[in-house]
């Protein structure tokens, strides 16, 4: 994961600080333990999330909890962290507070570390929920469904307001989804196309078995 740590180091060297958004899910299991050992000035780095389930940080499904457990340890515990979960009971009520928190970060981000779901979603931008395509601002509240908890997600505009995107693909099933997404087609069908079919931000894809 030297490319990711180099991205952060480069930001610090250029501006005196660096900022990155990271994902939860299975992605951290492969990346965070390695990244946390990088010899970079963590006290000059800010970390936020690409999305968050609307649960408390000590909940097993919390992306913040995962980041704190696997990434923010040792020297990496010195980062400034900006989460996406507020004290509100509903993400739609916490939307403005999350927007305000993200406005304290330096944009564009130096990098975003994303995973991809088996349905082709990134962050909490899911297929068949086209309302996110027109979202403004940096965050979007996502309601609960039968399969999913309510969430807060970075918007498409925020995901592309970065200097580099790092996409981690795990397993053969997701490799097949990635291959399909690399072909032209509706973004609403496979949201990962949002980052694959654009020329604004360079994308590095990591394949992890």
N, C-alpha and C. Protein backbone atom coordinates (compact mmCIF):
# COMPACT_ATOMS: atom_id res chain seq x y z
N UNK A 1 0.82 -1.20 0.00
CA UNK A 1 0.00 0.00 0.00
C UNK A 1 0.86 1.26 0.00
N UNK A 2 2.04 1.13 -0.59
CA UNK A 2 2.97 2.26 -0.60
C UNK A 2 2.41 3.45 -1.37
N UNK A 3 1.56 3.20 -2.38
CA UNK A 3 0.98 4.31 -3.14
C UNK A 3 0.11 5.19 -2.25
N UNK A 4 -0.62 4.57 -1.33
CA UNK A 4 -1.50 5.33 -0.45
C UNK A 4 -0.70 6.18 0.52
N UNK A 5 0.29 5.57 1.15
CA UNK A 5 1.11 6.33 2.10
C UNK A 5 1.90 7.41 1.39
N UNK A 6 2.34 7.14 0.15
CA UNK A 6 3.06 8.15 -0.63
C UNK A 6 2.14 9.32 -0.97
N UNK A 7 0.87 9.04 -1.23
CA UNK A 7 -0.11 10.09 -1.51
C UNK A 7 -0.24 11.02 -0.31
N UNK A 8 -0.32 10.44 0.89
CA UNK A 8 -0.43 11.25 2.10
C UNK A 8 0.85 12.01 2.38
N UNK A 9 1.98 11.35 2.20
CA UNK A 9 3.27 12.01 2.42
C UNK A 9 3.44 13.18 1.48
N UNK A 10 3.03 13.01 0.24
CA UNK A 10 3.14 14.07 -0.75
C UNK A 10 2.30 15.28 -0.36
N UNK A 11 1.09 15.03 0.15
CA UNK A 11 0.25 16.13 0.60
C UNK A 11 0.88 16.91 1.73
N UNK A 12 1.47 16.20 2.69
CA UNK A 12 2.13 16.86 3.81
C UNK A 12 3.31 17.69 3.33
N UNK A 13 4.09 17.13 2.42
CA UNK A 13 5.27 17.85 1.92
C UNK A 13 4.89 19.10 1.14
N UNK A 14 3.77 19.05 0.41
CA UNK A 14 3.35 20.18 -0.40
C UNK A 14 2.68 21.28 0.41
N UNK A 15 1.83 20.87 1.38
CA UNK A 15 0.98 21.85 2.07
C UNK A 15 1.12 21.85 3.58
N UNK A 16 1.82 20.87 4.11
CA UNK A 16 1.94 20.78 5.56
C UNK A 16 0.85 19.94 6.20
N UNK A 17 -0.05 19.38 5.38
CA UNK A 17 -1.12 18.52 5.89
C UNK A 17 -1.61 17.64 4.75
N UNK A 18 -2.34 16.60 5.10
CA UNK A 18 -2.97 15.73 4.11
C UNK A 18 -4.30 15.25 4.67
N UNK A 19 -5.23 14.95 3.79
CA UNK A 19 -6.56 14.52 4.19
C UNK A 19 -7.00 13.35 3.34
N UNK A 20 -7.63 12.37 3.98
CA UNK A 20 -8.06 11.17 3.25
C UNK A 20 -9.38 10.67 3.79
N UNK A 21 -10.21 10.13 2.91
CA UNK A 21 -11.44 9.44 3.31
C UNK A 21 -11.24 7.95 3.10
N UNK A 22 -11.76 7.15 4.03
CA UNK A 22 -11.60 5.70 3.95
C UNK A 22 -12.95 5.01 4.09
N UNK A 23 -13.01 3.79 3.58
CA UNK A 23 -14.24 3.01 3.62
C UNK A 23 -14.21 2.00 4.76
N UNK A 24 -15.36 1.40 5.01
CA UNK A 24 -15.46 0.30 5.96
C UNK A 24 -15.61 -1.01 5.23
N UNK A 25 -16.46 -1.89 5.75
CA UNK A 25 -16.66 -3.18 5.12
C UNK A 25 -15.42 -4.06 5.21
N UNK A 26 -15.21 -4.89 4.20
CA UNK A 26 -14.08 -5.82 4.20
C UNK A 26 -12.78 -5.16 3.80
N UNK A 27 -12.86 -4.01 3.16
CA UNK A 27 -11.65 -3.34 2.68
C UNK A 27 -10.61 -3.13 3.78
N UNK A 28 -10.99 -2.63 4.96
CA UNK A 28 -9.98 -2.35 5.99
C UNK A 28 -9.21 -3.57 6.45
N UNK A 29 -9.83 -4.74 6.40
CA UNK A 29 -9.16 -5.94 6.87
C UNK A 29 -7.86 -6.18 6.12
N UNK A 30 -7.82 -5.76 4.87
CA UNK A 30 -6.64 -5.98 4.05
C UNK A 30 -5.68 -4.79 4.04
N UNK A 31 -6.22 -3.59 4.21
CA UNK A 31 -5.44 -2.38 3.98
C UNK A 31 -5.00 -1.70 5.27
N UNK A 32 -5.92 -1.50 6.20
CA UNK A 32 -5.63 -0.68 7.38
C UNK A 32 -4.43 -1.14 8.20
N UNK A 33 -4.29 -2.44 8.50
CA UNK A 33 -3.14 -2.84 9.32
C UNK A 33 -1.80 -2.50 8.67
N UNK A 34 -1.73 -2.59 7.35
CA UNK A 34 -0.49 -2.24 6.64
C UNK A 34 -0.29 -0.73 6.63
N UNK A 35 -1.37 0.00 6.34
CA UNK A 35 -1.26 1.46 6.25
C UNK A 35 -0.90 2.07 7.60
N UNK A 36 -1.39 1.50 8.68
CA UNK A 36 -1.13 2.06 10.00
C UNK A 36 0.35 2.03 10.36
N UNK A 37 1.11 1.17 9.70
CA UNK A 37 2.54 1.04 9.99
C UNK A 37 3.40 1.97 9.13
N UNK A 38 2.77 2.71 8.23
CA UNK A 38 3.54 3.60 7.35
C UNK A 38 4.24 4.68 8.17
N UNK A 39 5.47 4.96 7.81
CA UNK A 39 6.26 5.97 8.53
C UNK A 39 6.05 7.33 7.89
N UNK A 40 4.91 7.91 8.21
CA UNK A 40 4.52 9.22 7.69
C UNK A 40 4.09 10.08 8.88
N UNK A 41 4.06 11.41 8.72
CA UNK A 41 3.71 12.30 9.84
C UNK A 41 2.21 12.29 10.13
N UNK A 42 1.76 11.29 10.84
CA UNK A 42 0.34 11.09 11.09
C UNK A 42 -0.31 12.28 11.79
N UNK A 43 0.45 13.00 12.59
CA UNK A 43 -0.13 14.15 13.30
C UNK A 43 -0.47 15.31 12.37
N UNK A 44 -0.08 15.21 11.10
CA UNK A 44 -0.41 16.23 10.11
C UNK A 44 -1.44 15.71 9.10
N UNK A 45 -2.11 14.63 9.47
CA UNK A 45 -3.05 13.98 8.56
C UNK A 45 -4.44 13.93 9.19
N UNK A 46 -5.46 14.23 8.38
CA UNK A 46 -6.86 14.11 8.81
C UNK A 46 -7.51 12.95 8.06
N UNK A 47 -8.34 12.21 8.78
CA UNK A 47 -9.05 11.07 8.21
C UNK A 47 -10.54 11.26 8.41
N UNK A 48 -11.32 11.02 7.36
CA UNK A 48 -12.76 10.93 7.48
C UNK A 48 -13.22 9.65 6.81
N UNK A 49 -14.53 9.47 6.68
CA UNK A 49 -15.09 8.24 6.14
C UNK A 49 -15.80 8.50 4.82
N UNK A 50 -15.77 7.50 3.94
CA UNK A 50 -16.54 7.58 2.71
C UNK A 50 -18.03 7.40 2.99
N UNK A 51 -18.34 6.62 4.02
CA UNK A 51 -19.73 6.45 4.45
C UNK A 51 -19.73 5.84 5.84
N UNK A 52 -20.90 5.88 6.47
CA UNK A 52 -21.03 5.34 7.82
C UNK A 52 -22.44 4.81 8.04
N UNK A 53 -22.52 3.63 8.63
CA UNK A 53 -23.81 3.12 9.09
C UNK A 53 -24.24 3.94 10.31
N UNK A 54 -25.55 4.15 10.45
CA UNK A 54 -26.03 5.02 11.53
C UNK A 54 -26.11 4.23 12.83
N UNK A 55 -24.93 3.86 13.32
CA UNK A 55 -24.80 3.14 14.58
C UNK A 55 -23.70 3.81 15.39
N UNK A 56 -23.66 3.51 16.68
CA UNK A 56 -22.64 4.11 17.53
C UNK A 56 -21.26 3.53 17.21
N UNK A 57 -20.19 4.28 17.49
CA UNK A 57 -18.84 3.83 17.14
C UNK A 57 -18.44 2.49 17.76
N UNK A 58 -19.07 2.11 18.88
CA UNK A 58 -18.72 0.83 19.49
C UNK A 58 -19.56 -0.34 18.97
N UNK A 59 -20.43 -0.06 18.00
CA UNK A 59 -21.25 -1.11 17.38
C UNK A 59 -20.38 -1.91 16.41
N UNK A 60 -20.58 -3.23 16.30
CA UNK A 60 -19.76 -4.04 15.39
C UNK A 60 -19.83 -3.60 13.92
N UNK A 61 -20.91 -2.93 13.52
CA UNK A 61 -21.07 -2.51 12.13
C UNK A 61 -20.53 -1.11 11.85
N UNK A 62 -19.97 -0.46 12.85
CA UNK A 62 -19.50 0.92 12.69
C UNK A 62 -18.21 0.99 11.89
N UNK A 63 -18.21 1.80 10.84
CA UNK A 63 -16.98 2.02 10.08
C UNK A 63 -15.97 2.82 10.90
N UNK A 64 -16.47 3.75 11.71
CA UNK A 64 -15.56 4.49 12.58
C UNK A 64 -14.86 3.54 13.55
N UNK A 65 -15.64 2.64 14.15
CA UNK A 65 -15.05 1.69 15.08
C UNK A 65 -13.99 0.83 14.42
N UNK A 66 -14.26 0.41 13.17
CA UNK A 66 -13.30 -0.40 12.43
C UNK A 66 -12.02 0.38 12.16
N UNK A 67 -12.18 1.64 11.76
CA UNK A 67 -11.01 2.48 11.48
C UNK A 67 -10.18 2.71 12.74
N UNK A 68 -10.86 2.93 13.84
CA UNK A 68 -10.13 3.15 15.10
C UNK A 68 -9.39 1.88 15.53
N UNK A 69 -10.01 0.73 15.29
CA UNK A 69 -9.42 -0.54 15.73
C UNK A 69 -8.26 -0.98 14.84
N UNK A 70 -8.39 -0.79 13.52
CA UNK A 70 -7.40 -1.33 12.59
C UNK A 70 -6.42 -0.31 12.04
N UNK A 71 -6.82 0.95 11.95
CA UNK A 71 -5.97 1.97 11.34
C UNK A 71 -5.37 2.92 12.36
N UNK A 72 -6.20 3.48 13.20
CA UNK A 72 -5.74 4.53 14.11
C UNK A 72 -5.15 3.93 15.38
N UNK A 73 -3.98 3.34 15.22
CA UNK A 73 -3.27 2.74 16.34
C UNK A 73 -1.78 3.01 16.18
N UNK A 74 -1.04 2.93 17.26
CA UNK A 74 0.38 3.29 17.20
C UNK A 74 0.53 4.75 16.83
N UNK A 75 1.48 5.05 15.97
CA UNK A 75 1.68 6.43 15.52
C UNK A 75 0.46 6.96 14.78
N UNK A 76 -0.26 6.08 14.09
CA UNK A 76 -1.43 6.50 13.32
C UNK A 76 -2.58 6.97 14.20
N UNK A 77 -2.51 6.73 15.49
CA UNK A 77 -3.53 7.23 16.41
C UNK A 77 -3.47 8.74 16.55
N UNK A 78 -2.43 9.35 16.00
CA UNK A 78 -2.26 10.80 16.13
C UNK A 78 -3.03 11.59 15.07
N UNK A 79 -3.71 10.90 14.17
CA UNK A 79 -4.47 11.60 13.14
C UNK A 79 -5.60 12.41 13.75
N UNK A 80 -6.04 13.40 13.00
CA UNK A 80 -7.30 14.07 13.34
C UNK A 80 -8.41 13.31 12.62
N UNK A 81 -9.43 12.88 13.36
CA UNK A 81 -10.50 12.09 12.77
C UNK A 81 -11.80 12.87 12.77
N UNK A 82 -12.49 12.86 11.63
CA UNK A 82 -13.80 13.49 11.49
C UNK A 82 -14.79 12.41 11.07
N UNK A 83 -15.69 12.04 11.97
CA UNK A 83 -16.65 10.98 11.69
C UNK A 83 -17.91 11.48 11.00
N UNK A 84 -18.75 10.53 10.61
CA UNK A 84 -20.00 10.86 9.93
C UNK A 84 -21.23 10.46 10.74
N UNK A 85 -21.05 10.11 12.01
CA UNK A 85 -22.18 9.77 12.87
C UNK A 85 -22.34 10.85 13.93
N UNK A 86 -23.55 11.39 14.03
CA UNK A 86 -23.85 12.40 15.04
C UNK A 86 -24.70 11.77 16.14
N UNK A 87 -25.11 12.59 17.10
CA UNK A 87 -25.95 12.10 18.19
C UNK A 87 -27.42 11.97 17.79
N UNK A 88 -27.76 12.45 16.61
CA UNK A 88 -29.15 12.38 16.16
C UNK A 88 -29.57 10.92 15.95
N UNK A 89 -30.85 10.65 16.11
CA UNK A 89 -31.35 9.29 15.95
C UNK A 89 -31.52 8.90 14.49
N UNK A 90 -31.48 9.87 13.60
CA UNK A 90 -31.74 9.64 12.18
C UNK A 90 -30.70 10.40 11.36
N UNK A 91 -30.16 9.79 10.29
CA UNK A 91 -29.15 10.49 9.49
C UNK A 91 -29.69 11.74 8.81
N UNK A 92 -30.98 11.76 8.51
CA UNK A 92 -31.55 12.94 7.87
C UNK A 92 -31.53 14.14 8.82
N UNK A 93 -31.61 13.87 10.13
CA UNK A 93 -31.51 14.94 11.11
C UNK A 93 -30.06 15.35 11.36
N UNK A 94 -29.13 14.42 11.13
CA UNK A 94 -27.72 14.71 11.36
C UNK A 94 -26.98 15.25 10.16
N UNK A 95 -27.70 15.40 9.06
CA UNK A 95 -27.09 15.82 7.80
C UNK A 95 -26.31 17.12 7.91
N UNK A 96 -26.93 18.16 8.46
CA UNK A 96 -26.28 19.47 8.50
C UNK A 96 -25.04 19.46 9.38
N UNK A 97 -25.09 18.72 10.48
CA UNK A 97 -23.92 18.64 11.36
C UNK A 97 -22.76 17.95 10.66
N UNK A 98 -23.06 16.92 9.87
CA UNK A 98 -22.01 16.24 9.11
C UNK A 98 -21.43 17.16 8.04
N UNK A 99 -22.29 17.91 7.37
CA UNK A 99 -21.80 18.88 6.38
C UNK A 99 -20.85 19.88 7.03
N UNK A 100 -21.23 20.38 8.20
CA UNK A 100 -20.40 21.35 8.90
C UNK A 100 -19.06 20.74 9.30
N UNK A 101 -19.09 19.49 9.76
CA UNK A 101 -17.85 18.83 10.17
C UNK A 101 -16.91 18.65 8.98
N UNK A 102 -17.46 18.24 7.85
CA UNK A 102 -16.62 18.03 6.66
C UNK A 102 -16.07 19.34 6.12
N UNK A 103 -16.77 20.43 6.36
CA UNK A 103 -16.29 21.73 5.88
C UNK A 103 -15.03 22.17 6.60
N UNK A 104 -14.72 21.53 7.73
CA UNK A 104 -13.49 21.87 8.45
C UNK A 104 -12.26 21.17 7.86
N UNK A 105 -12.49 20.23 6.95
CA UNK A 105 -11.38 19.54 6.30
C UNK A 105 -10.88 20.36 5.11
N UNK A 106 -9.70 20.03 4.65
CA UNK A 106 -9.14 20.69 3.48
C UNK A 106 -9.51 19.91 2.22
N UNK A 107 -10.18 20.57 1.31
CA UNK A 107 -10.61 19.97 0.04
C UNK A 107 -9.87 20.63 -1.11
N UNK A 108 -9.58 19.89 -2.17
CA UNK A 108 -9.88 18.48 -2.38
C UNK A 108 -9.07 17.57 -1.47
N UNK A 109 -9.62 16.38 -1.21
CA UNK A 109 -8.91 15.39 -0.42
C UNK A 109 -7.68 14.92 -1.19
N UNK A 110 -6.66 14.51 -0.45
CA UNK A 110 -5.49 13.94 -1.12
C UNK A 110 -5.81 12.58 -1.70
N UNK A 111 -6.64 11.83 -1.04
CA UNK A 111 -7.00 10.51 -1.54
C UNK A 111 -8.26 9.99 -0.91
N UNK A 112 -8.89 9.03 -1.59
CA UNK A 112 -10.05 8.32 -1.06
C UNK A 112 -9.80 6.83 -1.25
N UNK A 113 -9.95 6.07 -0.19
CA UNK A 113 -9.81 4.62 -0.24
C UNK A 113 -11.21 4.01 -0.24
N UNK A 114 -11.57 3.36 -1.33
CA UNK A 114 -12.90 2.80 -1.49
C UNK A 114 -12.86 1.30 -1.66
N UNK A 115 -13.88 0.63 -1.17
CA UNK A 115 -14.16 -0.74 -1.54
C UNK A 115 -15.34 -0.75 -2.49
N UNK A 116 -15.75 -1.93 -2.91
CA UNK A 116 -16.92 -2.07 -3.78
C UNK A 116 -17.74 -3.25 -3.30
N UNK A 117 -19.05 -3.07 -3.23
CA UNK A 117 -19.92 -4.16 -2.83
C UNK A 117 -20.19 -5.11 -3.98
N UNK A 118 -20.78 -6.25 -3.67
CA UNK A 118 -21.07 -7.25 -4.71
C UNK A 118 -22.17 -6.79 -5.66
N UNK A 119 -22.85 -5.71 -5.32
CA UNK A 119 -23.83 -5.11 -6.24
C UNK A 119 -23.25 -3.92 -6.99
N UNK A 120 -21.94 -3.70 -6.83
CA UNK A 120 -21.28 -2.60 -7.53
C UNK A 120 -21.38 -1.26 -6.83
N UNK A 121 -21.85 -1.24 -5.57
CA UNK A 121 -21.96 0.05 -4.89
C UNK A 121 -20.61 0.50 -4.34
N UNK A 122 -20.44 1.80 -4.23
CA UNK A 122 -19.29 2.41 -3.57
C UNK A 122 -19.82 3.39 -2.53
N UNK A 123 -19.05 3.57 -1.44
CA UNK A 123 -19.56 4.34 -0.30
C UNK A 123 -20.95 3.79 0.02
N UNK A 124 -21.96 4.65 0.16
CA UNK A 124 -23.34 4.16 0.32
C UNK A 124 -24.20 4.63 -0.85
N UNK A 125 -23.61 4.59 -2.03
CA UNK A 125 -24.33 4.89 -3.27
C UNK A 125 -24.72 3.56 -3.88
N UNK A 126 -26.00 3.20 -3.73
CA UNK A 126 -26.46 1.87 -4.10
C UNK A 126 -27.19 1.88 -5.44
N UNK A 127 -27.19 0.73 -6.14
CA UNK A 127 -27.95 0.63 -7.40
C UNK A 127 -29.44 0.86 -7.16
N UNK A 128 -30.08 1.44 -8.15
CA UNK A 128 -31.52 1.63 -8.07
C UNK A 128 -31.97 2.74 -7.17
N UNK A 129 -31.04 3.52 -6.65
CA UNK A 129 -31.38 4.67 -5.81
C UNK A 129 -30.83 5.92 -6.46
N UNK A 130 -31.40 6.27 -7.59
CA UNK A 130 -30.85 7.32 -8.43
C UNK A 130 -30.86 8.70 -7.85
N UNK A 131 -31.52 8.89 -6.68
CA UNK A 131 -31.57 10.23 -6.11
C UNK A 131 -30.19 10.74 -5.75
N UNK A 132 -29.24 9.85 -5.51
CA UNK A 132 -27.90 10.33 -5.14
C UNK A 132 -27.19 10.99 -6.31
N UNK A 133 -27.63 10.69 -7.53
CA UNK A 133 -26.96 11.26 -8.70
C UNK A 133 -27.07 12.78 -8.73
N UNK A 134 -28.15 13.32 -8.16
CA UNK A 134 -28.37 14.77 -8.17
C UNK A 134 -28.06 15.42 -6.83
N UNK A 135 -27.44 14.68 -5.93
CA UNK A 135 -27.17 15.21 -4.59
C UNK A 135 -26.16 16.35 -4.65
N UNK A 136 -26.41 17.37 -3.87
CA UNK A 136 -25.47 18.48 -3.75
C UNK A 136 -24.81 18.40 -2.38
N UNK A 137 -23.84 19.25 -2.15
CA UNK A 137 -23.13 19.20 -0.88
C UNK A 137 -22.16 18.04 -0.85
N UNK A 138 -21.70 17.72 0.36
CA UNK A 138 -20.68 16.67 0.50
C UNK A 138 -21.23 15.38 1.09
N UNK A 139 -22.37 15.44 1.77
CA UNK A 139 -22.92 14.23 2.34
C UNK A 139 -24.38 14.03 1.94
N UNK A 140 -24.78 12.76 2.01
CA UNK A 140 -26.13 12.36 1.62
C UNK A 140 -26.63 11.37 2.66
N UNK A 141 -27.79 11.65 3.24
CA UNK A 141 -28.42 10.70 4.16
C UNK A 141 -29.11 9.62 3.35
N UNK A 142 -28.93 8.37 3.76
CA UNK A 142 -29.50 7.22 3.06
C UNK A 142 -30.41 6.48 4.03
N UNK A 143 -31.67 6.34 3.64
CA UNK A 143 -32.64 5.69 4.52
C UNK A 143 -32.43 4.19 4.63
N UNK A 144 -33.06 3.59 5.63
CA UNK A 144 -32.95 2.15 5.85
C UNK A 144 -33.77 1.39 4.81
N UNK A 145 -33.38 0.15 4.57
CA UNK A 145 -34.16 -0.77 3.74
C UNK A 145 -34.20 -2.11 4.46
N UNK A 146 -34.83 -3.10 3.87
CA UNK A 146 -34.89 -4.42 4.50
C UNK A 146 -33.50 -5.02 4.68
N UNK A 147 -32.60 -4.69 3.76
CA UNK A 147 -31.25 -5.26 3.81
C UNK A 147 -30.23 -4.36 4.49
N UNK A 148 -30.54 -3.07 4.64
CA UNK A 148 -29.50 -2.13 5.05
C UNK A 148 -29.96 -1.21 6.19
N UNK A 149 -29.00 -0.86 7.02
CA UNK A 149 -29.21 0.14 8.05
C UNK A 149 -29.18 1.53 7.41
N UNK A 150 -29.78 2.54 8.06
CA UNK A 150 -29.63 3.91 7.56
C UNK A 150 -28.17 4.32 7.61
N UNK A 151 -27.79 5.22 6.73
CA UNK A 151 -26.38 5.58 6.59
C UNK A 151 -26.20 7.04 6.24
N UNK A 152 -24.95 7.48 6.35
CA UNK A 152 -24.52 8.76 5.81
C UNK A 152 -23.41 8.46 4.82
N UNK A 153 -23.45 9.11 3.66
CA UNK A 153 -22.47 8.83 2.62
C UNK A 153 -21.93 10.12 2.02
N UNK A 154 -20.70 10.07 1.58
CA UNK A 154 -20.21 11.14 0.72
C UNK A 154 -20.99 11.11 -0.58
N UNK A 155 -21.24 12.27 -1.15
CA UNK A 155 -21.95 12.38 -2.42
C UNK A 155 -21.00 12.09 -3.58
N UNK A 156 -21.54 11.88 -4.79
CA UNK A 156 -20.66 11.73 -5.94
C UNK A 156 -19.69 12.89 -6.10
N UNK A 157 -20.17 14.11 -5.88
CA UNK A 157 -19.30 15.27 -6.00
C UNK A 157 -18.15 15.25 -5.02
N UNK A 158 -18.42 14.81 -3.79
CA UNK A 158 -17.37 14.73 -2.78
C UNK A 158 -16.37 13.63 -3.10
N UNK A 159 -16.86 12.50 -3.60
CA UNK A 159 -15.96 11.40 -3.96
C UNK A 159 -14.99 11.82 -5.06
N UNK A 160 -15.46 12.66 -5.95
CA UNK A 160 -14.61 13.11 -7.06
C UNK A 160 -13.83 14.38 -6.72
N UNK A 161 -14.04 14.92 -5.54
CA UNK A 161 -13.29 16.10 -5.10
C UNK A 161 -12.04 15.63 -4.35
N UNK A 162 -11.21 14.90 -5.08
CA UNK A 162 -10.01 14.31 -4.49
C UNK A 162 -8.92 14.25 -5.55
N UNK A 163 -7.70 14.08 -5.08
CA UNK A 163 -6.56 14.02 -6.00
C UNK A 163 -6.30 12.62 -6.51
N UNK A 164 -6.77 11.60 -5.78
CA UNK A 164 -6.55 10.22 -6.21
C UNK A 164 -7.58 9.33 -5.53
N UNK A 165 -8.07 8.34 -6.27
CA UNK A 165 -8.99 7.34 -5.74
C UNK A 165 -8.30 5.99 -5.77
N UNK A 166 -8.34 5.29 -4.63
CA UNK A 166 -7.79 3.95 -4.53
C UNK A 166 -8.96 2.99 -4.32
N UNK A 167 -9.15 2.07 -5.25
CA UNK A 167 -10.29 1.15 -5.22
C UNK A 167 -9.78 -0.26 -4.95
N UNK A 168 -10.27 -0.87 -3.89
CA UNK A 168 -9.84 -2.21 -3.50
C UNK A 168 -10.94 -3.21 -3.86
N UNK A 169 -10.58 -4.22 -4.66
CA UNK A 169 -11.51 -5.25 -5.10
C UNK A 169 -11.08 -6.58 -4.48
N UNK A 170 -11.98 -7.22 -3.75
CA UNK A 170 -11.65 -8.46 -3.07
C UNK A 170 -12.45 -9.63 -3.66
N UNK A 171 -11.75 -10.70 -4.02
CA UNK A 171 -12.40 -11.93 -4.43
C UNK A 171 -12.84 -11.98 -5.88
N UNK A 172 -13.02 -13.20 -6.41
CA UNK A 172 -13.38 -13.38 -7.83
C UNK A 172 -14.75 -12.83 -8.20
N UNK A 173 -15.71 -12.88 -7.27
CA UNK A 173 -17.04 -12.37 -7.59
C UNK A 173 -16.99 -10.87 -7.87
N UNK A 174 -16.26 -10.15 -7.04
CA UNK A 174 -16.16 -8.71 -7.25
C UNK A 174 -15.29 -8.39 -8.47
N UNK A 175 -14.34 -9.26 -8.78
CA UNK A 175 -13.56 -9.05 -9.99
C UNK A 175 -14.47 -9.10 -11.22
N UNK A 176 -15.44 -10.01 -11.19
CA UNK A 176 -16.39 -10.11 -12.30
C UNK A 176 -17.27 -8.87 -12.39
N UNK A 177 -17.69 -8.35 -11.23
CA UNK A 177 -18.49 -7.13 -11.22
C UNK A 177 -17.67 -5.96 -11.76
N UNK A 178 -16.41 -5.88 -11.35
CA UNK A 178 -15.55 -4.81 -11.84
C UNK A 178 -15.41 -4.87 -13.35
N UNK A 179 -15.23 -6.07 -13.88
CA UNK A 179 -15.09 -6.23 -15.33
C UNK A 179 -16.34 -5.74 -16.05
N UNK A 180 -17.51 -6.07 -15.49
CA UNK A 180 -18.76 -5.60 -16.09
C UNK A 180 -18.88 -4.09 -16.00
N UNK A 181 -18.45 -3.53 -14.88
CA UNK A 181 -18.55 -2.08 -14.68
C UNK A 181 -17.60 -1.30 -15.57
N UNK A 182 -16.55 -1.94 -16.02
CA UNK A 182 -15.60 -1.26 -16.91
C UNK A 182 -16.17 -1.07 -18.31
N UNK A 183 -17.24 -1.79 -18.61
CA UNK A 183 -17.95 -1.60 -19.87
C UNK A 183 -18.93 -0.44 -19.71
N UNK A 184 -19.22 0.29 -20.79
CA UNK A 184 -20.19 1.39 -20.70
C UNK A 184 -21.56 0.89 -20.26
N UNK A 185 -22.25 1.72 -19.50
CA UNK A 185 -23.58 1.36 -19.03
C UNK A 185 -24.06 2.35 -18.00
N UNK A 186 -25.29 2.18 -17.53
CA UNK A 186 -25.86 3.12 -16.55
C UNK A 186 -25.10 3.10 -15.23
N UNK A 187 -24.79 4.28 -14.73
CA UNK A 187 -24.13 4.38 -13.42
C UNK A 187 -25.07 3.89 -12.32
N UNK A 188 -26.36 4.12 -12.49
CA UNK A 188 -27.34 3.69 -11.49
C UNK A 188 -27.40 2.17 -11.37
N UNK A 189 -26.97 1.47 -12.42
CA UNK A 189 -26.96 0.01 -12.41
C UNK A 189 -25.77 -0.53 -11.63
N UNK A 190 -24.60 0.08 -11.87
CA UNK A 190 -23.36 -0.27 -11.16
C UNK A 190 -22.69 1.04 -10.75
N UNK A 191 -22.96 1.53 -9.55
CA UNK A 191 -22.46 2.85 -9.15
C UNK A 191 -20.94 3.02 -9.22
N UNK A 192 -20.19 1.92 -9.18
CA UNK A 192 -18.74 2.05 -9.29
C UNK A 192 -18.33 2.67 -10.62
N UNK A 193 -19.23 2.64 -11.60
CA UNK A 193 -18.95 3.30 -12.88
C UNK A 193 -18.74 4.80 -12.71
N UNK A 194 -19.27 5.34 -11.63
CA UNK A 194 -19.08 6.77 -11.35
C UNK A 194 -17.61 7.14 -11.36
N UNK A 195 -16.76 6.29 -10.78
CA UNK A 195 -15.33 6.60 -10.72
C UNK A 195 -14.54 5.98 -11.86
N UNK A 196 -15.08 4.90 -12.45
CA UNK A 196 -14.34 4.22 -13.52
C UNK A 196 -14.44 4.95 -14.85
N UNK A 197 -15.56 5.63 -15.09
CA UNK A 197 -15.79 6.29 -16.38
C UNK A 197 -15.74 7.81 -16.22
N UNK A 198 -14.63 8.29 -15.69
CA UNK A 198 -14.40 9.73 -15.56
C UNK A 198 -12.91 9.97 -15.72
N UNK A 199 -12.58 11.18 -16.08
CA UNK A 199 -11.17 11.53 -16.31
C UNK A 199 -10.68 12.62 -15.36
N UNK A 200 -11.52 12.98 -14.41
CA UNK A 200 -11.20 14.07 -13.48
C UNK A 200 -10.17 13.64 -12.42
N UNK A 201 -10.30 12.41 -11.93
CA UNK A 201 -9.47 11.93 -10.83
C UNK A 201 -8.83 10.60 -11.22
N UNK A 202 -7.52 10.45 -11.08
CA UNK A 202 -6.90 9.15 -11.37
C UNK A 202 -7.36 8.09 -10.39
N UNK A 203 -7.54 6.87 -10.89
CA UNK A 203 -8.01 5.75 -10.08
C UNK A 203 -7.00 4.61 -10.14
N UNK A 204 -6.59 4.13 -8.98
CA UNK A 204 -5.74 2.95 -8.88
C UNK A 204 -6.56 1.81 -8.31
N UNK A 205 -6.57 0.67 -9.00
CA UNK A 205 -7.35 -0.49 -8.56
C UNK A 205 -6.40 -1.53 -7.98
N UNK A 206 -6.70 -1.96 -6.75
CA UNK A 206 -5.96 -3.04 -6.10
C UNK A 206 -6.84 -4.28 -6.09
N UNK A 207 -6.30 -5.39 -6.55
CA UNK A 207 -7.02 -6.66 -6.50
C UNK A 207 -6.45 -7.50 -5.37
N UNK A 208 -7.32 -7.89 -4.43
CA UNK A 208 -6.89 -8.66 -3.26
C UNK A 208 -7.69 -9.95 -3.22
N UNK A 209 -7.02 -11.08 -3.21
CA UNK A 209 -7.70 -12.38 -3.17
C UNK A 209 -8.01 -12.78 -1.73
